[in-house]
């Protein structure tokens, strides 16, 4: 069956080509094919973050770190990868001023 016809609200029937229909799979949440690769790269980046910045391994499971990662993912979805990450991150003095306490 190549087309569907269905009644519209005003009683006029419309024919919808099969190519315009949503597949049932489009309603399901799927993992990207390279999910394992992405997860491995993120794990390596977390290890590097902890080692280079002398942070505890627990810091990557903290609510603040998770919130930061979510915001970075949202920013990447909006601006893409054309903007250098350093341009998006605030200066430490800005973080200090907004936090209102001494930096560590």
PDB file of N, CA and C in Angstrom:
ATOM      1  N   UNK A   1       0.845  -1.166   0.000  1.00  0.00           N
ATOM      2  CA  UNK A   1       0.000   0.000   0.000  1.00  0.00           C
ATOM      3  C   UNK A   1       0.896   1.237   0.000  1.00  0.00           C
ATOM      4  N   UNK A   2       0.821   2.025  -1.057  1.00  0.00           N
ATOM      5  CA  UNK A   2       1.687   3.180  -1.204  1.00  0.00           C
ATOM      6  C   UNK A   2       1.139   4.441  -0.561  1.00  0.00           C
ATOM      7  N   UNK A   3      -0.163   4.547  -0.412  1.00  0.00           N
ATOM      8  CA  UNK A   3      -0.733   5.771   0.150  1.00  0.00           C
ATOM      9  C   UNK A   3      -1.808   5.441   1.164  1.00  0.00           C
ATOM     10  N   UNK A   4      -2.081   6.406   2.005  1.00  0.00           N
ATOM     11  CA  UNK A   4      -3.164   6.320   2.974  1.00  0.00           C
ATOM     12  C   UNK A   4      -4.148   7.440   2.663  1.00  0.00           C
ATOM     13  N   UNK A   5      -5.390   7.204   2.911  1.00  0.00           N
ATOM     14  CA  UNK A   5      -6.340   8.310   2.880  1.00  0.00           C
ATOM     15  C   UNK A   5      -7.022   8.330   4.231  1.00  0.00           C
ATOM     16  N   UNK A   6      -7.207   9.510   4.746  1.00  0.00           N
ATOM     17  CA  UNK A   6      -7.837   9.639   6.046  1.00  0.00           C
ATOM     18  C   UNK A   6      -8.720  10.881   6.042  1.00  0.00           C
ATOM     19  N   UNK A   7      -9.796  10.865   6.820  1.00  0.00           N
ATOM     20  CA  UNK A   7     -10.671  12.030   6.844  1.00  0.00           C
ATOM     21  C   UNK A   7     -10.031  13.173   7.617  1.00  0.00           C
ATOM     22  N   UNK A   8     -10.187  14.366   7.102  1.00  0.00           N
ATOM     23  CA  UNK A   8      -9.731  15.554   7.809  1.00  0.00           C
ATOM     24  C   UNK A   8     -10.881  16.086   8.642  1.00  0.00           C
ATOM     25  N   UNK A   9     -10.613  17.090   9.448  1.00  0.00           N
ATOM     26  CA  UNK A   9     -11.639  17.656  10.306  1.00  0.00           C
ATOM     27  C   UNK A   9     -12.818  18.206   9.507  1.00  0.00           C
ATOM     28  N   UNK A  10     -12.536  18.776   8.344  1.00  0.00           N
ATOM     29  CA  UNK A  10     -13.610  19.365   7.552  1.00  0.00           C
ATOM     30  C   UNK A  10     -14.282  18.353   6.624  1.00  0.00           C
ATOM     31  N   UNK A  11     -13.953  17.079   6.772  1.00  0.00           N
ATOM     32  CA  UNK A  11     -14.591  16.027   5.993  1.00  0.00           C
ATOM     33  C   UNK A  11     -13.928  15.727   4.666  1.00  0.00           C
ATOM     34  N   UNK A  12     -12.942  16.514   4.263  1.00  0.00           N
ATOM     35  CA  UNK A  12     -12.246  16.288   2.998  1.00  0.00           C
ATOM     36  C   UNK A  12     -11.133  15.279   3.231  1.00  0.00           C
ATOM     37  N   UNK A  13     -11.061  14.292   2.355  1.00  0.00           N
ATOM     38  CA  UNK A  13     -10.019  13.275   2.482  1.00  0.00           C
ATOM     39  C   UNK A  13      -8.722  13.774   1.854  1.00  0.00           C
ATOM     40  N   UNK A  14      -7.629  13.365   2.447  1.00  0.00           N
ATOM     41  CA  UNK A  14      -6.316  13.733   1.944  1.00  0.00           C
ATOM     42  C   UNK A  14      -5.509  12.463   1.729  1.00  0.00           C
ATOM     43  N   UNK A  15      -4.672  12.476   0.741  1.00  0.00           N
ATOM     44  CA  UNK A  15      -3.807  11.330   0.464  1.00  0.00           C
ATOM     45  C   UNK A  15      -2.392  11.703   0.885  1.00  0.00           C
ATOM     46  N   UNK A  16      -1.813  10.891   1.745  1.00  0.00           N
ATOM     47  CA  UNK A  16      -0.464  11.129   2.245  1.00  0.00           C
ATOM     48  C   UNK A  16       0.473  10.092   1.657  1.00  0.00           C
ATOM     49  N   UNK A  17       1.525  10.522   0.942  1.00  0.00           N
ATOM     50  CA  UNK A  17       2.478   9.552   0.408  1.00  0.00           C
ATOM     51  C   UNK A  17       3.170   8.803   1.546  1.00  0.00           C
ATOM     52  N   UNK A  18       3.500   7.544   1.281  1.00  0.00           N
ATOM     53  CA  UNK A  18       4.122   6.695   2.298  1.00  0.00           C
ATOM     54  C   UNK A  18       5.412   7.309   2.831  1.00  0.00           C
ATOM     55  N   UNK A  19       6.172   7.977   2.005  1.00  0.00           N
ATOM     56  CA  UNK A  19       7.440   8.569   2.413  1.00  0.00           C
ATOM     57  C   UNK A  19       7.311   9.646   3.470  1.00  0.00           C
ATOM     58  N   UNK A  20       6.137  10.199   3.653  1.00  0.00           N
ATOM     59  CA  UNK A  20       5.949  11.268   4.625  1.00  0.00           C
ATOM     60  C   UNK A  20       5.455  10.752   5.966  1.00  0.00           C
ATOM     61  N   UNK A  21       5.163   9.478   6.061  1.00  0.00           N
ATOM     62  CA  UNK A  21       4.675   8.920   7.311  1.00  0.00           C
ATOM     63  C   UNK A  21       5.836   8.683   8.262  1.00  0.00           C
ATOM     64  N   UNK A  22       5.580   8.866   9.544  1.00  0.00           N
ATOM     65  CA  UNK A  22       6.596   8.555  10.545  1.00  0.00           C
ATOM     66  C   UNK A  22       6.606   7.065  10.791  1.00  0.00           C
ATOM     67  N   UNK A  23       7.787   6.514  10.842  1.00  0.00           N
ATOM     68  CA  UNK A  23       7.942   5.103  11.158  1.00  0.00           C
ATOM     69  C   UNK A  23       7.779   4.926  12.664  1.00  0.00           C
ATOM     70  N   UNK A  24       7.312   3.767  13.085  1.00  0.00           N
ATOM     71  CA  UNK A  24       7.139   3.499  14.509  1.00  0.00           C
ATOM     72  C   UNK A  24       8.464   3.634  15.247  1.00  0.00           C
ATOM     73  N   UNK A  25       9.558   3.316  14.585  1.00  0.00           N
ATOM     74  CA  UNK A  25      10.878   3.413  15.214  1.00  0.00           C
ATOM     75  C   UNK A  25      11.263   4.857  15.521  1.00  0.00           C
ATOM     76  N   UNK A  26      10.653   5.835  14.840  1.00  0.00           N
ATOM     77  CA  UNK A  26      10.983   7.230  15.111  1.00  0.00           C
ATOM     78  C   UNK A  26      10.468   7.679  16.470  1.00  0.00           C
ATOM     79  N   UNK A  27       9.557   6.925  17.062  1.00  0.00           N
ATOM     80  CA  UNK A  27       9.040   7.257  18.384  1.00  0.00           C
ATOM     81  C   UNK A  27       9.862   6.611  19.499  1.00  0.00           C
ATOM     82  N   UNK A  28      10.770   5.740  19.137  1.00  0.00           N
ATOM     83  CA  UNK A  28      11.583   5.022  20.116  1.00  0.00           C
ATOM     84  C   UNK A  28      12.919   5.728  20.292  1.00  0.00           C
ATOM     85  N   UNK A  29      13.413   5.723  21.515  1.00  0.00           N
ATOM     86  CA  UNK A  29      14.718   6.288  21.786  1.00  0.00           C
ATOM     87  C   UNK A  29      15.778   5.253  21.420  1.00  0.00           C
ATOM     88  N   UNK A  30      16.706   5.645  20.564  1.00  0.00           N
ATOM     89  CA  UNK A  30      17.755   4.717  20.149  1.00  0.00           C
ATOM     90  C   UNK A  30      19.120   5.305  20.482  1.00  0.00           C
ATOM     91  N   UNK A  31      20.075   4.432  20.707  1.00  0.00           N
ATOM     92  CA  UNK A  31      21.435   4.867  20.954  1.00  0.00           C
ATOM     93  C   UNK A  31      22.162   4.953  19.620  1.00  0.00           C
ATOM     94  N   UNK A  32      23.058   5.942  19.490  1.00  0.00           N
ATOM     95  CA  UNK A  32      23.827   6.023  18.255  1.00  0.00           C
ATOM     96  C   UNK A  32      24.654   4.759  18.052  1.00  0.00           C
ATOM     97  N   UNK A  33      24.945   4.460  16.805  1.00  0.00           N
ATOM     98  CA  UNK A  33      25.712   3.254  16.484  1.00  0.00           C
ATOM     99  C   UNK A  33      27.097   3.288  17.111  1.00  0.00           C
ATOM    100  N   UNK A  34      27.645   4.496  17.253  1.00  0.00           N
ATOM    101  CA  UNK A  34      28.982   4.605  17.827  1.00  0.00           C
ATOM    102  C   UNK A  34      28.933   4.992  19.306  1.00  0.00           C
ATOM    103  N   UNK A  35      27.874   4.587  20.004  1.00  0.00           N
ATOM    104  CA  UNK A  35      27.691   4.888  21.430  1.00  0.00           C
ATOM    105  C   UNK A  35      28.881   4.416  22.262  1.00  0.00           C
ATOM    106  N   UNK A  36      29.347   3.203  22.022  1.00  0.00           N
ATOM    107  CA  UNK A  36      30.475   2.661  22.793  1.00  0.00           C
ATOM    108  C   UNK A  36      31.734   3.494  22.582  1.00  0.00           C
ATOM    109  N   UNK A  37      31.958   3.945  21.364  1.00  0.00           N
ATOM    110  CA  UNK A  37      33.126   4.773  21.062  1.00  0.00           C
ATOM    111  C   UNK A  37      33.028   6.114  21.779  1.00  0.00           C
ATOM    112  N   UNK A  38      31.855   6.726  21.723  1.00  0.00           N
ATOM    113  CA  UNK A  38      31.650   8.013  22.386  1.00  0.00           C
ATOM    114  C   UNK A  38      31.853   7.868  23.892  1.00  0.00           C
ATOM    115  N   UNK A  39      31.281   6.828  24.470  1.00  0.00           N
ATOM    116  CA  UNK A  39      31.424   6.600  25.913  1.00  0.00           C
ATOM    117  C   UNK A  39      32.890   6.395  26.284  1.00  0.00           C
ATOM    118  N   UNK A  40      33.633   5.649  25.467  1.00  0.00           N
ATOM    119  CA  UNK A  40      35.057   5.424  25.731  1.00  0.00           C
ATOM    120  C   UNK A  40      35.827   6.747  25.674  1.00  0.00           C
ATOM    121  N   UNK A  41      35.544   7.573  24.675  1.00  0.00           N
ATOM    122  CA  UNK A  41      36.225   8.860  24.549  1.00  0.00           C
ATOM    123  C   UNK A  41      35.917   9.766  25.738  1.00  0.00           C
ATOM    124  N   UNK A  42      34.667   9.748  26.200  1.00  0.00           N
ATOM    125  CA  UNK A  42      34.306  10.549  27.374  1.00  0.00           C
ATOM    126  C   UNK A  42      35.014  10.041  28.627  1.00  0.00           C
ATOM    127  N   UNK A  43      35.127   8.737  28.755  1.00  0.00           N
ATOM    128  CA  UNK A  43      35.841   8.157  29.900  1.00  0.00           C
ATOM    129  C   UNK A  43      37.301   8.581  29.884  1.00  0.00           C
ATOM    130  N   UNK A  44      37.928   8.519  28.717  1.00  0.00           N
ATOM    131  CA  UNK A  44      39.323   8.948  28.587  1.00  0.00           C
ATOM    132  C   UNK A  44      39.466  10.429  28.927  1.00  0.00           C
ATOM    133  N   UNK A  45      38.526  11.250  28.488  1.00  0.00           N
ATOM    134  CA  UNK A  45      38.571  12.683  28.786  1.00  0.00           C
ATOM    135  C   UNK A  45      38.407  12.936  30.283  1.00  0.00           C
ATOM    136  N   UNK A  46      37.562  12.164  30.947  1.00  0.00           N
ATOM    137  CA  UNK A  46      37.382  12.296  32.399  1.00  0.00           C
ATOM    138  C   UNK A  46      38.656  11.915  33.143  1.00  0.00           C
ATOM    139  N   UNK A  47      39.313  10.854  32.698  1.00  0.00           N
ATOM    140  CA  UNK A  47      40.583  10.439  33.308  1.00  0.00           C
ATOM    141  C   UNK A  47      41.613  11.549  33.145  1.00  0.00           C
ATOM    142  N   UNK A  48      41.692  12.115  31.945  1.00  0.00           N
ATOM    143  CA  UNK A  48      42.642  13.193  31.685  1.00  0.00           C
ATOM    144  C   UNK A  48      42.321  14.416  32.544  1.00  0.00           C
ATOM    145  N   UNK A  49      41.040  14.764  32.657  1.00  0.00           N
ATOM    146  CA  UNK A  49      40.608  15.893  33.490  1.00  0.00           C
ATOM    147  C   UNK A  49      41.076  15.697  34.929  1.00  0.00           C
ATOM    148  N   UNK A  50      40.848  14.524  35.470  1.00  0.00           N
ATOM    149  CA  UNK A  50      41.238  14.235  36.856  1.00  0.00           C
ATOM    150  C   UNK A  50      42.756  14.290  37.027  1.00  0.00           C
ATOM    151  N   UNK A  51      43.491  13.745  36.078  1.00  0.00           N
ATOM    152  CA  UNK A  51      44.951  13.694  36.177  1.00  0.00           C
ATOM    153  C   UNK A  51      45.588  15.070  35.985  1.00  0.00           C
ATOM    154  N   UNK A  52      45.183  15.778  34.946  1.00  0.00           N
ATOM    155  CA  UNK A  52      45.802  17.063  34.616  1.00  0.00           C
ATOM    156  C   UNK A  52      45.456  18.132  35.653  1.00  0.00           C
ATOM    157  N   UNK A  53      44.213  18.157  36.097  1.00  0.00           N
ATOM    158  CA  UNK A  53      43.774  19.191  37.038  1.00  0.00           C
ATOM    159  C   UNK A  53      43.804  18.742  38.495  1.00  0.00           C
ATOM    160  N   UNK A  54      44.401  17.589  38.761  1.00  0.00           N
ATOM    161  CA  UNK A  54      44.506  17.050  40.122  1.00  0.00           C
ATOM    162  C   UNK A  54      43.151  17.020  40.831  1.00  0.00           C
ATOM    163  N   UNK A  55      42.168  16.472  40.155  1.00  0.00           N
ATOM    164  CA  UNK A  55      40.817  16.344  40.715  1.00  0.00           C
ATOM    165  C   UNK A  55      40.586  14.899  41.117  1.00  0.00           C
ATOM    166  N   UNK A  56      39.709  14.706  42.088  1.00  0.00           N
ATOM    167  CA  UNK A  56      39.383  13.336  42.495  1.00  0.00           C
ATOM    168  C   UNK A  56      38.538  12.673  41.413  1.00  0.00           C
ATOM    169  N   UNK A  57      38.603  11.373  41.345  1.00  0.00           N
ATOM    170  CA  UNK A  57      37.795  10.643  40.369  1.00  0.00           C
ATOM    171  C   UNK A  57      36.307  10.813  40.654  1.00  0.00           C
ATOM    172  N   UNK A  58      35.962  11.042  41.919  1.00  0.00           N
ATOM    173  CA  UNK A  58      34.562  11.258  42.299  1.00  0.00           C
ATOM    174  C   UNK A  58      34.002  12.547  41.705  1.00  0.00           C
ATOM    175  N   UNK A  59      34.864  13.494  41.352  1.00  0.00           N
ATOM    176  CA  UNK A  59      34.381  14.786  40.852  1.00  0.00           C
ATOM    177  C   UNK A  59      33.588  14.645  39.555  1.00  0.00           C
ATOM    178  N   UNK A  60      33.845  13.600  38.779  1.00  0.00           N
ATOM    179  CA  UNK A  60      33.116  13.436  37.516  1.00  0.00           C
ATOM    180  C   UNK A  60      31.716  12.869  37.720  1.00  0.00           C
ATOM    181  N   UNK A  61      31.384  12.482  38.943  1.00  0.00           N
ATOM    182  CA  UNK A  61      30.029  11.993  39.205  1.00  0.00           C
ATOM    183  C   UNK A  61      29.214  12.998  40.017  1.00  0.00           C
ATOM    184  N   UNK A  62      29.806  14.153  40.309  1.00  0.00           N
ATOM    185  CA  UNK A  62      29.114  15.174  41.087  1.00  0.00           C
ATOM    186  C   UNK A  62      28.036  15.887  40.284  1.00  0.00           C
ATOM    187  N   UNK A  63      27.049  16.411  40.990  1.00  0.00           N
ATOM    188  CA  UNK A  63      25.941  17.113  40.336  1.00  0.00           C
ATOM    189  C   UNK A  63      26.414  18.321  39.532  1.00  0.00           C
ATOM    190  N   UNK A  64      27.396  19.051  40.061  1.00  0.00           N
ATOM    191  CA  UNK A  64      27.912  20.225  39.358  1.00  0.00           C
ATOM    192  C   UNK A  64      28.594  19.863  38.049  1.00  0.00           C
ATOM    193  N   UNK A  65      29.388  18.805  38.070  1.00  0.00           N
ATOM    194  CA  UNK A  65      30.081  18.358  36.862  1.00  0.00           C
ATOM    195  C   UNK A  65      29.074  17.884  35.817  1.00  0.00           C
ATOM    196  N   UNK A  66      28.080  17.125  36.258  1.00  0.00           N
ATOM    197  CA  UNK A  66      27.049  16.622  35.337  1.00  0.00           C
ATOM    198  C   UNK A  66      26.277  17.783  34.728  1.00  0.00           C
ATOM    199  N   UNK A  67      25.958  18.796  35.533  1.00  0.00           N
ATOM    200  CA  UNK A  67      25.266  19.981  35.024  1.00  0.00           C
ATOM    201  C   UNK A  67      26.119  20.704  33.984  1.00  0.00           C
ATOM    202  N   UNK A  68      27.419  20.823  34.249  1.00  0.00           N
ATOM    203  CA  UNK A  68      28.333  21.458  33.297  1.00  0.00           C
ATOM    204  C   UNK A  68      28.353  20.700  31.977  1.00  0.00           C
ATOM    205  N   UNK A  69      28.455  19.388  32.044  1.00  0.00           N
ATOM    206  CA  UNK A  69      28.492  18.569  30.830  1.00  0.00           C
ATOM    207  C   UNK A  69      27.194  18.734  30.033  1.00  0.00           C
ATOM    208  N   UNK A  70      26.057  18.749  30.721  1.00  0.00           N
ATOM    209  CA  UNK A  70      24.771  18.938  30.030  1.00  0.00           C
ATOM    210  C   UNK A  70      24.735  20.277  29.307  1.00  0.00           C
ATOM    211  N   UNK A  71      25.201  21.336  29.977  1.00  0.00           N
ATOM    212  CA  UNK A  71      25.210  22.656  29.353  1.00  0.00           C
ATOM    213  C   UNK A  71      26.150  22.697  28.151  1.00  0.00           C
ATOM    214  N   UNK A  72      27.288  22.023  28.254  1.00  0.00           N
ATOM    215  CA  UNK A  72      28.214  21.968  27.121  1.00  0.00           C
ATOM    216  C   UNK A  72      27.596  21.221  25.942  1.00  0.00           C
ATOM    217  N   UNK A  73      26.871  20.147  26.235  1.00  0.00           N
ATOM    218  CA  UNK A  73      26.208  19.400  25.161  1.00  0.00           C
ATOM    219  C   UNK A  73      25.110  20.246  24.513  1.00  0.00           C
ATOM    220  N   UNK A  74      24.364  20.992  25.320  1.00  0.00           N
ATOM    221  CA  UNK A  74      23.331  21.879  24.777  1.00  0.00           C
ATOM    222  C   UNK A  74      23.956  22.964  23.911  1.00  0.00           C
ATOM    223  N   UNK A  75      25.061  23.542  24.379  1.00  0.00           N
ATOM    224  CA  UNK A  75      25.746  24.581  23.613  1.00  0.00           C
ATOM    225  C   UNK A  75      26.242  24.031  22.284  1.00  0.00           C
ATOM    226  N   UNK A  76      26.799  22.827  22.307  1.00  0.00           N
ATOM    227  CA  UNK A  76      27.296  22.213  21.067  1.00  0.00           C
ATOM    228  C   UNK A  76      26.158  21.965  20.097  1.00  0.00           C
ATOM    229  N   UNK A  77      25.009  21.591  20.612  1.00  0.00           N
ATOM    230  CA  UNK A  77      23.857  21.345  19.746  1.00  0.00           C
ATOM    231  C   UNK A  77      23.382  22.640  19.090  1.00  0.00           C
ATOM    232  N   UNK A  78      23.544  23.763  19.784  1.00  0.00           N
ATOM    233  CA  UNK A  78      23.079  25.049  19.257  1.00  0.00           C
ATOM    234  C   UNK A  78      24.103  25.679  18.319  1.00  0.00           C
ATOM    235  N   UNK A  79      25.362  25.783  18.755  1.00  0.00           N
ATOM    236  CA  UNK A  79      26.372  26.485  17.959  1.00  0.00           C
ATOM    237  C   UNK A  79      27.241  25.561  17.131  1.00  0.00           C
ATOM    238  N   UNK A  80      27.163  24.272  17.369  1.00  0.00           N
ATOM    239  CA  UNK A  80      27.993  23.332  16.625  1.00  0.00           C
ATOM    240  C   UNK A  80      29.419  23.345  17.142  1.00  0.00           C
ATOM    241  N   UNK A  81      30.314  22.841  16.341  1.00  0.00           N
ATOM    242  CA  UNK A  81      31.712  22.755  16.767  1.00  0.00           C
ATOM    243  C   UNK A  81      32.558  23.878  16.189  1.00  0.00           C
ATOM    244  N   UNK A  82      31.929  24.844  15.508  1.00  0.00           N
ATOM    245  CA  UNK A  82      32.675  25.921  14.874  1.00  0.00           C
ATOM    246  C   UNK A  82      33.260  26.901  15.893  1.00  0.00           C
ATOM    247  N   UNK A  83      32.657  27.009  17.066  1.00  0.00           N
ATOM    248  CA  UNK A  83      33.124  27.942  18.087  1.00  0.00           C
ATOM    249  C   UNK A  83      34.096  27.220  19.016  1.00  0.00           C
ATOM    250  N   UNK A  84      35.293  27.775  19.202  1.00  0.00           N
ATOM    251  CA  UNK A  84      36.248  27.143  20.121  1.00  0.00           C
ATOM    252  C   UNK A  84      35.686  27.090  21.549  1.00  0.00           C
ATOM    253  N   UNK A  85      35.927  25.994  22.228  1.00  0.00           N
ATOM    254  CA  UNK A  85      35.401  25.784  23.578  1.00  0.00           C
ATOM    255  C   UNK A  85      35.876  26.880  24.528  1.00  0.00           C
ATOM    256  N   UNK A  86      37.129  27.289  24.405  1.00  0.00           N
ATOM    257  CA  UNK A  86      37.669  28.317  25.306  1.00  0.00           C
ATOM    258  C   UNK A  86      36.894  29.623  25.217  1.00  0.00           C
ATOM    259  N   UNK A  87      36.296  29.912  24.068  1.00  0.00           N
ATOM    260  CA  UNK A  87      35.505  31.135  23.924  1.00  0.00           C
ATOM    261  C   UNK A  87      34.194  31.051  24.695  1.00  0.00           C
ATOM    262  N   UNK A  88      33.693  29.860  24.910  1.00  0.00           N
ATOM    263  CA  UNK A  88      32.423  29.687  25.614  1.00  0.00           C
ATOM    264  C   UNK A  88      32.588  29.636  27.129  1.00  0.00           C
ATOM    265  N   UNK A  89      33.740  29.169  27.594  1.00  0.00           N
ATOM    266  CA  UNK A  89      33.952  29.019  29.031  1.00  0.00           C
ATOM    267  C   UNK A  89      34.260  30.371  29.676  1.00  0.00           C
ATOM    268  N   UNK A  90      33.728  30.606  30.871  1.00  0.00           N
ATOM    269  CA  UNK A  90      33.972  31.884  31.549  1.00  0.00           C
ATOM    270  C   UNK A  90      35.386  31.955  32.130  1.00  0.00           C
ATOM    271  N   UNK A  91      35.855  33.167  32.331  1.00  0.00           N
ATOM    272  CA  UNK A  91      37.139  33.394  32.987  1.00  0.00           C
ATOM    273  C   UNK A  91      36.980  33.039  34.468  1.00  0.00           C
ATOM    274  N   UNK A  92      38.036  32.525  35.115  1.00  0.00           N
ATOM    275  CA  UNK A  92      37.927  32.174  36.536  1.00  0.00           C
ATOM    276  C   UNK A  92      37.432  33.319  37.422  1.00  0.00           C
ATOM    277  N   UNK A  93      37.808  34.572  37.087  1.00  0.00           N
ATOM    278  CA  UNK A  93      37.345  35.701  37.904  1.00  0.00           C
ATOM    279  C   UNK A  93      35.831  35.893  37.787  1.00  0.00           C
ATOM    280  N   UNK A  94      35.274  35.562  36.630  1.00  0.00           N
ATOM    281  CA  UNK A  94      33.822  35.641  36.455  1.00  0.00           C
ATOM    282  C   UNK A  94      33.135  34.591  37.317  1.00  0.00           C
ATOM    283  N   UNK A  95      33.682  33.399  37.322  1.00  0.00           N
ATOM    284  CA  UNK A  95      33.126  32.330  38.155  1.00  0.00           C
ATOM    285  C   UNK A  95      33.210  32.739  39.622  1.00  0.00           C
ATOM    286  N   UNK A  96      34.355  33.289  40.023  1.00  0.00           N
ATOM    287  CA  UNK A  96      34.541  33.733  41.406  1.00  0.00           C
ATOM    288  C   UNK A  96      33.507  34.801  41.771  1.00  0.00           C
ATOM    289  N   UNK A  97      33.358  35.797  40.898  1.00  0.00           N
ATOM    290  CA  UNK A  97      32.431  36.902  41.165  1.00  0.00           C
ATOM    291  C   UNK A  97      30.997  36.401  41.284  1.00  0.00           C
ATOM    292  N   UNK A  98      30.587  35.498  40.399  1.00  0.00           N
ATOM    293  CA  UNK A  98      29.216  34.993  40.426  1.00  0.00           C
ATOM    294  C   UNK A  98      28.978  34.035  41.586  1.00  0.00           C
ATOM    295  N   UNK A  99      30.006  33.354  41.997  1.00  0.00           N
ATOM    296  CA  UNK A  99      29.873  32.418  43.115  1.00  0.00           C
ATOM    297  C   UNK A  99      29.837  33.159  44.439  1.00  0.00           C
ATOM    298  N   UNK A 100      30.603  34.242  44.534  1.00  0.00           N
ATOM    299  CA  UNK A 100      30.600  35.057  45.735  1.00  0.00           C
ATOM    300  C   UNK A 100      31.456  34.529  46.867  1.00  0.00           C
ATOM    301  N   UNK A 101      32.361  33.595  46.581  1.00  0.00           N
ATOM    302  CA  UNK A 101      33.264  33.096  47.621  1.00  0.00           C
ATOM    303  C   UNK A 101      34.653  32.937  47.032  1.00  0.00           C
ATOM    304  N   UNK A 102      35.614  32.652  47.893  1.00  0.00           N
ATOM    305  CA  UNK A 102      36.998  32.569  47.440  1.00  0.00           C
ATOM    306  C   UNK A 102      37.226  31.352  46.551  1.00  0.00           C
ATOM    307  N   UNK A 103      38.046  31.511  45.498  1.00  0.00           N
ATOM    308  CA  UNK A 103      38.354  30.369  44.622  1.00  0.00           C
ATOM    309  C   UNK A 103      39.252  29.374  45.342  1.00  0.00           C
ATOM    310  N   UNK A 104      39.173  28.123  44.920  1.00  0.00           N
ATOM    311  CA  UNK A 104      39.994  27.083  45.545  1.00  0.00           C
ATOM    312  C   UNK A 104      41.161  26.726  44.682  1.00  0.00           C
TER     313      UNK A 104
END
